[in-house]
Amino acid sequence: MRGHNLYVVEDAAQAHGALYKGRHAGNLGDIGCFSFYPGKNLGAYGDGGAAVTNDVALAERVLKLRDHGSVRKYFHELVGYNSRLDSLQAAVLNVKLPRLNAWNSLRRRHAQKYHEVLCGVPRVTFPPLDGEDYESVHHLFVIRVAKGERASLCQCLTAQQIGWGIHYPVPIHLAPAFAHLNCPRGSFPVAEKHADEVLSLPVIPELTSDQIMYVASAVQRFAEEASK
């Protein structure tokens, strides 16, 4: 990679605290990027983010880019951005950071409960739990159901006052911003299939085990009824 002057930018936006082979997310590439959007595992009061790296040159470049290409007021070495984290967001993150590991543990417990209830349930698939080499922090708990059944499941959950989400329903190649790539529907069938089937279930730390069981049982009943 160095021979081509390339760097690996690691997208760790939703992986605060996740591990791969004993290494934390954000430490696997040349530079790691985290999001502090309020809904993330470590979220600020508003928008925010951070880049982490052990490369001094990259760190210095990011410091310049975040502040209009400048490290000294009114002296601009690069064409940069206005991406400084404000003090309020930093204060909120400073309070939340010591609680991150405990919150992630609760998310893992919720994911384990979903697996216990939904494992083997027909017409519902979901990612595996932690493996020997990795430990997830379950920013989301995403299941997949058949395209024709997702809308019905959403209605079923809503009727039982259960929140749900459909994250990233439009594959990148079908977004208007990338129409110039000339990749019509059918160009990436796996991505398109998943976008039509994914559904996120509640997994925030504040939920109780009984609430997780309530959600999981609702999905289980729906799937079993749909398979008859």
C-alpha atoms as a PDB file:
ATOM      1  CA  MET A   1       0.000   0.000   0.000  1.00  0.00           C
ATOM      2  CA  ARG A   2       2.797   2.418   0.875  1.00  0.00           C
ATOM      3  CA  GLY A   3       4.363   1.855  -2.525  1.00  0.00           C
ATOM      4  CA  HIS A   4       1.254   3.406  -4.057  1.00  0.00           C
ATOM      5  CA  ASN A   5       0.958   6.103  -1.371  1.00  0.00           C
ATOM      6  CA  LEU A   6      -2.331   4.611  -0.172  1.00  0.00           C
ATOM      7  CA  TYR A   7      -3.729   4.465   3.353  1.00  0.00           C
ATOM      8  CA  VAL A   8      -6.448   2.329   4.927  1.00  0.00           C
ATOM      9  CA  VAL A   9      -9.218   4.476   6.391  1.00  0.00           C
ATOM     10  CA  GLU A  10     -11.194   2.371   8.878  1.00  0.00           C
ATOM     11  CA  ASP A  11     -14.899   3.129   9.189  1.00  0.00           C
ATOM     12  CA  ALA A  12     -15.538   2.524  12.901  1.00  0.00           C
ATOM     13  CA  ALA A  13     -18.474   4.932  13.061  1.00  0.00           C
ATOM     14  CA  GLN A  14     -20.759   2.458  14.866  1.00  0.00           C
ATOM     15  CA  ALA A  15     -18.165   0.236  16.544  1.00  0.00           C
ATOM     16  CA  HIS A  16     -17.119   2.016  19.734  1.00  0.00           C
ATOM     17  CA  GLY A  17     -15.590  -0.727  21.888  1.00  0.00           C
ATOM     18  CA  ALA A  18     -15.806  -3.578  19.355  1.00  0.00           C
ATOM     19  CA  LEU A  19     -12.885  -6.004  19.173  1.00  0.00           C
ATOM     20  CA  TYR A  20     -11.198  -7.993  16.417  1.00  0.00           C
ATOM     21  CA  LYS A  21      -8.473 -10.433  17.474  1.00  0.00           C
ATOM     22  CA  GLY A  22      -7.999  -8.474  20.683  1.00  0.00           C
ATOM     23  CA  ARG A  23      -7.665  -5.116  18.952  1.00  0.00           C
ATOM     24  CA  HIS A  24     -10.234  -2.366  19.290  1.00  0.00           C
ATOM     25  CA  ALA A  25     -12.047  -1.031  16.278  1.00  0.00           C
ATOM     26  CA  GLY A  26     -10.387   2.145  15.128  1.00  0.00           C
ATOM     27  CA  ASN A  27      -6.907   0.635  15.527  1.00  0.00           C
ATOM     28  CA  LEU A  28      -7.026  -1.702  12.527  1.00  0.00           C
ATOM     29  CA  GLY A  29      -6.349   0.780   9.731  1.00  0.00           C
ATOM     30  CA  ASP A  30      -3.938   3.654   9.270  1.00  0.00           C
ATOM     31  CA  ILE A  31      -6.642   5.956  10.580  1.00  0.00           C
ATOM     32  CA  GLY A  32      -9.978   5.140  12.220  1.00  0.00           C
ATOM     33  CA  CYS A  33     -13.115   7.287  12.094  1.00  0.00           C
ATOM     34  CA  PHE A  34     -15.817   7.353  14.793  1.00  0.00           C
ATOM     35  CA  SER A  35     -19.207   9.021  14.763  1.00  0.00           C
ATOM     36  CA  PHE A  36     -20.663  10.630  17.885  1.00  0.00           C
ATOM     37  CA  TYR A  37     -24.127  11.093  16.424  1.00  0.00           C
ATOM     38  CA  PRO A  38     -26.563  10.916  19.394  1.00  0.00           C
ATOM     39  CA  GLY A  39     -27.836   7.458  18.425  1.00  0.00           C
ATOM     40  CA  LYS A  40     -24.405   5.789  18.413  1.00  0.00           C
ATOM     41  CA  ASN A  41     -23.104   3.612  21.249  1.00  0.00           C
ATOM     42  CA  LEU A  42     -21.121   6.660  22.358  1.00  0.00           C
ATOM     43  CA  GLY A  43     -23.187   9.642  21.298  1.00  0.00           C
ATOM     44  CA  ALA A  44     -22.920  13.356  21.932  1.00  0.00           C
ATOM     45  CA  TYR A  45     -25.797  15.797  22.424  1.00  0.00           C
ATOM     46  CA  GLY A  46     -25.549  16.725  18.748  1.00  0.00           C
ATOM     47  CA  ASP A  47     -23.378  15.790  15.804  1.00  0.00           C
ATOM     48  CA  GLY A  48     -19.702  15.059  16.253  1.00  0.00           C
ATOM     49  CA  GLY A  49     -16.944  12.642  15.405  1.00  0.00           C
ATOM     50  CA  ALA A  50     -13.282  11.806  15.820  1.00  0.00           C
ATOM     51  CA  ALA A  51     -10.378  10.376  13.857  1.00  0.00           C
ATOM     52  CA  VAL A  52      -7.702   8.292  15.606  1.00  0.00           C
ATOM     53  CA  THR A  53      -4.271   7.323  14.316  1.00  0.00           C
ATOM     54  CA  ASN A  54      -0.738   6.469  15.396  1.00  0.00           C
ATOM     55  CA  ASP A  55       0.668   8.182  12.305  1.00  0.00           C
ATOM     56  CA  VAL A  56       1.976  11.623  13.281  1.00  0.00           C
ATOM     57  CA  ALA A  57       1.809  12.980   9.744  1.00  0.00           C
ATOM     58  CA  LEU A  58      -1.806  11.868   9.302  1.00  0.00           C
ATOM     59  CA  ALA A  59      -2.740  13.318  12.693  1.00  0.00           C
ATOM     60  CA  GLU A  60      -1.225  16.670  11.760  1.00  0.00           C
ATOM     61  CA  ARG A  61      -3.077  16.693   8.447  1.00  0.00           C
ATOM     62  CA  VAL A  62      -6.411  15.934  10.116  1.00  0.00           C
ATOM     63  CA  LEU A  63      -5.823  18.709  12.642  1.00  0.00           C
ATOM     64  CA  LYS A  64      -5.364  21.122   9.771  1.00  0.00           C
ATOM     65  CA  LEU A  65      -8.301  19.861   7.703  1.00  0.00           C
ATOM     66  CA  ARG A  66     -10.743  20.104  10.626  1.00  0.00           C
ATOM     67  CA  ASP A  67     -10.055  23.836  11.011  1.00  0.00           C
ATOM     68  CA  HIS A  68      -9.985  25.366   7.541  1.00  0.00           C
ATOM     69  CA  GLY A  69      -6.543  23.928   6.797  1.00  0.00           C
ATOM     70  CA  SER A  70      -4.994  25.914   9.606  1.00  0.00           C
ATOM     71  CA  VAL A  71      -3.145  25.274  12.864  1.00  0.00           C
ATOM     72  CA  ARG A  72      -2.679  28.995  13.440  1.00  0.00           C
ATOM     73  CA  LYS A  73      -5.511  31.481  13.124  1.00  0.00           C
ATOM     74  CA  TYR A  74      -5.701  33.209   9.736  1.00  0.00           C
ATOM     75  CA  PHE A  75      -2.870  31.132   8.253  1.00  0.00           C
ATOM     76  CA  HIS A  76      -4.291  28.452   5.963  1.00  0.00           C
ATOM     77  CA  GLU A  77      -1.951  25.828   4.578  1.00  0.00           C
ATOM     78  CA  LEU A  78      -4.697  23.671   3.008  1.00  0.00           C
ATOM     79  CA  VAL A  79      -8.252  24.006   1.787  1.00  0.00           C
ATOM     80  CA  GLY A  80      -9.987  22.453   4.770  1.00  0.00           C
ATOM     81  CA  TYR A  81     -13.328  22.297   6.554  1.00  0.00           C
ATOM     82  CA  ASN A  82     -15.042  23.552   9.674  1.00  0.00           C
ATOM     83  CA  SER A  83     -15.287  20.237  11.532  1.00  0.00           C
ATOM     84  CA  ARG A  84     -14.223  21.122  15.056  1.00  0.00           C
ATOM     85  CA  LEU A  85     -15.942  19.319  17.918  1.00  0.00           C
ATOM     86  CA  ASP A  86     -17.534  21.998  20.105  1.00  0.00           C
ATOM     87  CA  SER A  87     -17.043  22.100  23.872  1.00  0.00           C
ATOM     88  CA  LEU A  88     -20.617  21.085  24.709  1.00  0.00           C
ATOM     89  CA  GLN A  89     -20.342  17.864  22.715  1.00  0.00           C
ATOM     90  CA  ALA A  90     -16.959  17.130  24.268  1.00  0.00           C
ATOM     91  CA  ALA A  91     -18.381  17.634  27.772  1.00  0.00           C
ATOM     92  CA  VAL A  92     -21.256  15.205  27.102  1.00  0.00           C
ATOM     93  CA  LEU A  93     -18.875  12.607  25.663  1.00  0.00           C
ATOM     94  CA  ASN A  94     -16.558  13.002  28.648  1.00  0.00           C
ATOM     95  CA  VAL A  95     -19.415  12.062  30.983  1.00  0.00           C
ATOM     96  CA  LYS A  96     -20.596   9.144  28.840  1.00  0.00           C
ATOM     97  CA  LEU A  97     -17.241   7.559  28.005  1.00  0.00           C
ATOM     98  CA  PRO A  98     -16.716   5.828  31.406  1.00  0.00           C
ATOM     99  CA  ARG A  99     -20.121   4.157  30.963  1.00  0.00           C
ATOM    100  CA  LEU A 100     -19.480   2.846  27.447  1.00  0.00           C
ATOM    101  CA  ASN A 101     -18.264  -0.631  28.423  1.00  0.00           C
ATOM    102  CA  ALA A 102     -21.258  -1.222  30.704  1.00  0.00           C
ATOM    103  CA  TRP A 103     -23.670  -0.052  28.004  1.00  0.00           C
ATOM    104  CA  ASN A 104     -22.027  -2.304  25.432  1.00  0.00           C
ATOM    105  CA  SER A 105     -22.354  -5.243  27.824  1.00  0.00           C
ATOM    106  CA  LEU A 106     -26.097  -4.612  28.045  1.00  0.00           C
ATOM    107  CA  ARG A 107     -26.352  -4.525  24.255  1.00  0.00           C
ATOM    108  CA  ARG A 108     -24.572  -7.883  24.095  1.00  0.00           C
ATOM    109  CA  ARG A 109     -26.988  -9.298  26.653  1.00  0.00           C
ATOM    110  CA  HIS A 110     -29.942  -8.071  24.584  1.00  0.00           C
ATOM    111  CA  ALA A 111     -28.458  -9.638  21.440  1.00  0.00           C
ATOM    112  CA  GLN A 112     -27.979 -12.929  23.283  1.00  0.00           C
ATOM    113  CA  LYS A 113     -31.648 -12.905  24.309  1.00  0.00           C
ATOM    114  CA  TYR A 114     -32.761 -12.265  20.726  1.00  0.00           C
ATOM    115  CA  HIS A 115     -30.645 -15.199  19.580  1.00  0.00           C
ATOM    116  CA  GLU A 116     -32.089 -17.499  22.226  1.00  0.00           C
ATOM    117  CA  VAL A 117     -35.656 -16.743  21.172  1.00  0.00           C
ATOM    118  CA  LEU A 118     -35.258 -16.372  17.402  1.00  0.00           C
ATOM    119  CA  CYS A 119     -32.719 -19.105  16.686  1.00  0.00           C
ATOM    120  CA  GLY A 120     -34.410 -21.607  14.394  1.00  0.00           C
ATOM    121  CA  VAL A 121     -37.481 -19.440  13.846  1.00  0.00           C
ATOM    122  CA  PRO A 122     -38.556 -19.827  10.206  1.00  0.00           C
ATOM    123  CA  ARG A 123     -38.239 -16.937   7.749  1.00  0.00           C
ATOM    124  CA  VAL A 124     -36.011 -14.857  10.049  1.00  0.00           C
ATOM    125  CA  THR A 125     -32.226 -14.611   9.720  1.00  0.00           C
ATOM    126  CA  PHE A 126     -29.694 -12.502  11.604  1.00  0.00           C
ATOM    127  CA  PRO A 127     -25.927 -12.209  12.097  1.00  0.00           C
ATOM    128  CA  PRO A 128     -24.095 -14.630  14.424  1.00  0.00           C
ATOM    129  CA  LEU A 129     -23.129 -13.681  17.947  1.00  0.00           C
ATOM    130  CA  ASP A 130     -19.527 -12.998  18.953  1.00  0.00           C
ATOM    131  CA  GLY A 131     -16.939 -15.408  17.621  1.00  0.00           C
ATOM    132  CA  GLU A 132     -13.454 -16.428  18.643  1.00  0.00           C
ATOM    133  CA  ASP A 133     -11.868 -13.537  16.758  1.00  0.00           C
ATOM    134  CA  TYR A 134     -14.423 -10.767  17.215  1.00  0.00           C
ATOM    135  CA  GLU A 135     -16.682  -9.135  19.794  1.00  0.00           C
ATOM    136  CA  SER A 136     -19.524  -6.950  18.558  1.00  0.00           C
ATOM    137  CA  VAL A 137     -21.048  -3.987  20.374  1.00  0.00           C
ATOM    138  CA  HIS A 138     -24.413  -4.393  18.586  1.00  0.00           C
ATOM    139  CA  HIS A 139     -25.067  -0.793  17.650  1.00  0.00           C
ATOM    140  CA  LEU A 140     -28.060  -2.280  15.860  1.00  0.00           C
ATOM    141  CA  PHE A 141     -29.709  -5.679  15.969  1.00  0.00           C
ATOM    142  CA  VAL A 142     -30.691  -6.336  12.379  1.00  0.00           C
ATOM    143  CA  ILE A 143     -32.798  -9.226  11.183  1.00  0.00           C
ATOM    144  CA  ARG A 144     -33.823 -10.134   7.645  1.00  0.00           C
ATOM    145  CA  VAL A 145     -37.290 -11.160   6.545  1.00  0.00           C
ATOM    146  CA  ALA A 146     -38.661 -11.745   3.078  1.00  0.00           C
ATOM    147  CA  LYS A 147     -39.306  -8.531   1.153  1.00  0.00           C
ATOM    148  CA  GLY A 148     -43.013  -9.223   0.886  1.00  0.00           C
ATOM    149  CA  GLU A 149     -43.324  -9.813   4.636  1.00  0.00           C
ATOM    150  CA  ARG A 150     -41.305  -6.911   6.022  1.00  0.00           C
ATOM    151  CA  ALA A 151     -44.099  -4.344   5.736  1.00  0.00           C
ATOM    152  CA  SER A 152     -46.519  -6.708   7.468  1.00  0.00           C
ATOM    153  CA  LEU A 153     -44.048  -7.361  10.284  1.00  0.00           C
ATOM    154  CA  CYS A 154     -43.542  -3.618  10.733  1.00  0.00           C
ATOM    155  CA  GLN A 155     -47.303  -3.151  11.028  1.00  0.00           C
ATOM    156  CA  CYS A 156     -47.469  -5.997  13.528  1.00  0.00           C
ATOM    157  CA  LEU A 157     -44.726  -4.496  15.684  1.00  0.00           C
ATOM    158  CA  THR A 158     -46.266  -1.026  15.551  1.00  0.00           C
ATOM    159  CA  ALA A 159     -49.610  -2.444  16.665  1.00  0.00           C
ATOM    160  CA  GLN A 160     -47.843  -3.820  19.750  1.00  0.00           C
ATOM    161  CA  GLN A 161     -46.119  -0.484  20.427  1.00  0.00           C
ATOM    162  CA  ILE A 162     -42.719  -1.861  19.439  1.00  0.00           C
ATOM    163  CA  GLY A 163     -40.302   0.473  17.714  1.00  0.00           C
ATOM    164  CA  TRP A 164     -38.399  -0.646  14.637  1.00  0.00           C
ATOM    165  CA  GLY A 165     -36.163   0.848  11.967  1.00  0.00           C
ATOM    166  CA  ILE A 166     -35.149   0.213   8.372  1.00  0.00           C
ATOM    167  CA  HIS A 167     -31.580   1.393   8.088  1.00  0.00           C
ATOM    168  CA  TYR A 168     -30.053   2.136   4.671  1.00  0.00           C
ATOM    169  CA  PRO A 169     -33.039   1.105   2.509  1.00  0.00           C
ATOM    170  CA  VAL A 170     -31.377   2.440  -0.645  1.00  0.00           C
ATOM    171  CA  PRO A 171     -28.147   0.745  -1.813  1.00  0.00           C
ATOM    172  CA  ILE A 172     -25.427   3.275  -2.622  1.00  0.00           C
ATOM    173  CA  HIS A 173     -25.400   2.518  -6.332  1.00  0.00           C
ATOM    174  CA  LEU A 174     -29.113   3.358  -6.566  1.00  0.00           C
ATOM    175  CA  ALA A 175     -28.829   6.691  -4.756  1.00  0.00           C
ATOM    176  CA  PRO A 176     -29.379   9.716  -7.033  1.00  0.00           C
ATOM    177  CA  ALA A 177     -25.978  11.070  -6.015  1.00  0.00           C
ATOM    178  CA  PHE A 178     -24.313   8.151  -7.790  1.00  0.00           C
ATOM    179  CA  ALA A 179     -26.543   7.957 -10.851  1.00  0.00           C
ATOM    180  CA  HIS A 180     -23.547   8.986 -12.947  1.00  0.00           C
ATOM    181  CA  LEU A 181     -21.996   5.547 -12.285  1.00  0.00           C
ATOM    182  CA  ASN A 182     -24.706   4.004 -14.487  1.00  0.00           C
ATOM    183  CA  CYS A 183     -25.343   1.045 -12.170  1.00  0.00           C
ATOM    184  CA  PRO A 184     -29.067   0.282 -12.533  1.00  0.00           C
ATOM    185  CA  ARG A 185     -31.056  -2.054 -10.313  1.00  0.00           C
ATOM    186  CA  GLY A 186     -29.670  -5.541 -10.760  1.00  0.00           C
ATOM    187  CA  SER A 187     -26.051  -4.397 -10.794  1.00  0.00           C
ATOM    188  CA  PHE A 188     -25.496  -5.506  -7.175  1.00  0.00           C
ATOM    189  CA  PRO A 189     -28.253  -8.038  -6.475  1.00  0.00           C
ATOM    190  CA  VAL A 190     -27.048  -9.070  -3.007  1.00  0.00           C
ATOM    191  CA  ALA A 191     -26.973  -5.493  -1.718  1.00  0.00           C
ATOM    192  CA  GLU A 192     -30.375  -4.841  -3.256  1.00  0.00           C
ATOM    193  CA  LYS A 193     -31.855  -7.998  -1.740  1.00  0.00           C
ATOM    194  CA  HIS A 194     -30.571  -7.131   1.724  1.00  0.00           C
ATOM    195  CA  ALA A 195     -31.828  -3.548   1.469  1.00  0.00           C
ATOM    196  CA  ASP A 196     -35.303  -4.922   0.774  1.00  0.00           C
ATOM    197  CA  GLU A 197     -35.211  -7.344   3.709  1.00  0.00           C
ATOM    198  CA  VAL A 198     -33.388  -5.739   6.666  1.00  0.00           C
ATOM    199  CA  LEU A 199     -35.222  -4.619   9.792  1.00  0.00           C
ATOM    200  CA  SER A 200     -33.659  -3.272  12.983  1.00  0.00           C
ATOM    201  CA  LEU A 201     -35.091  -4.291  16.360  1.00  0.00           C
ATOM    202  CA  PRO A 202     -34.684  -2.273  19.587  1.00  0.00           C
ATOM    203  CA  VAL A 203     -31.374  -2.959  21.347  1.00  0.00           C
ATOM    204  CA  ILE A 204     -30.508   0.179  23.348  1.00  0.00           C
ATOM    205  CA  PRO A 205     -28.957  -0.463  26.797  1.00  0.00           C
ATOM    206  CA  GLU A 206     -31.891   1.055  28.681  1.00  0.00           C
ATOM    207  CA  LEU A 207     -34.241  -1.772  27.683  1.00  0.00           C
ATOM    208  CA  THR A 208     -34.965  -4.516  30.201  1.00  0.00           C
ATOM    209  CA  SER A 209     -34.720  -8.247  29.578  1.00  0.00           C
ATOM    210  CA  ASP A 210     -38.514  -8.456  29.743  1.00  0.00           C
ATOM    211  CA  GLN A 211     -38.845  -5.813  27.038  1.00  0.00           C
ATOM    212  CA  ILE A 212     -36.381  -7.625  24.787  1.00  0.00           C
ATOM    213  CA  MET A 213     -38.325 -10.838  25.334  1.00  0.00           C
ATOM    214  CA  TYR A 214     -41.548  -9.004  24.444  1.00  0.00           C
ATOM    215  CA  VAL A 215     -40.054  -7.843  21.137  1.00  0.00           C
ATOM    216  CA  ALA A 216     -38.478 -11.199  20.306  1.00  0.00           C
ATOM    217  CA  SER A 217     -41.676 -13.069  21.071  1.00  0.00           C
ATOM    218  CA  ALA A 218     -43.668 -10.753  18.800  1.00  0.00           C
ATOM    219  CA  VAL A 219     -41.289 -11.460  15.913  1.00  0.00           C
ATOM    220  CA  GLN A 220     -41.387 -15.172  16.672  1.00  0.00           C
ATOM    221  CA  ARG A 221     -45.198 -15.285  16.620  1.00  0.00           C
ATOM    222  CA  PHE A 222     -45.341 -13.360  13.364  1.00  0.00           C
ATOM    223  CA  ALA A 223     -42.788 -15.597  11.645  1.00  0.00           C
ATOM    224  CA  GLU A 224     -44.412 -18.799  12.794  1.00  0.00           C
ATOM    225  CA  GLU A 225     -47.844 -17.596  11.645  1.00  0.00           C
ATOM    226  CA  ALA A 226     -46.423 -16.491   8.271  1.00  0.00           C
ATOM    227  CA  SER A 227     -44.865 -19.913   7.721  1.00  0.00           C
ATOM    228  CA  LYS A 228     -48.136 -21.802   8.082  1.00  0.00           C
END
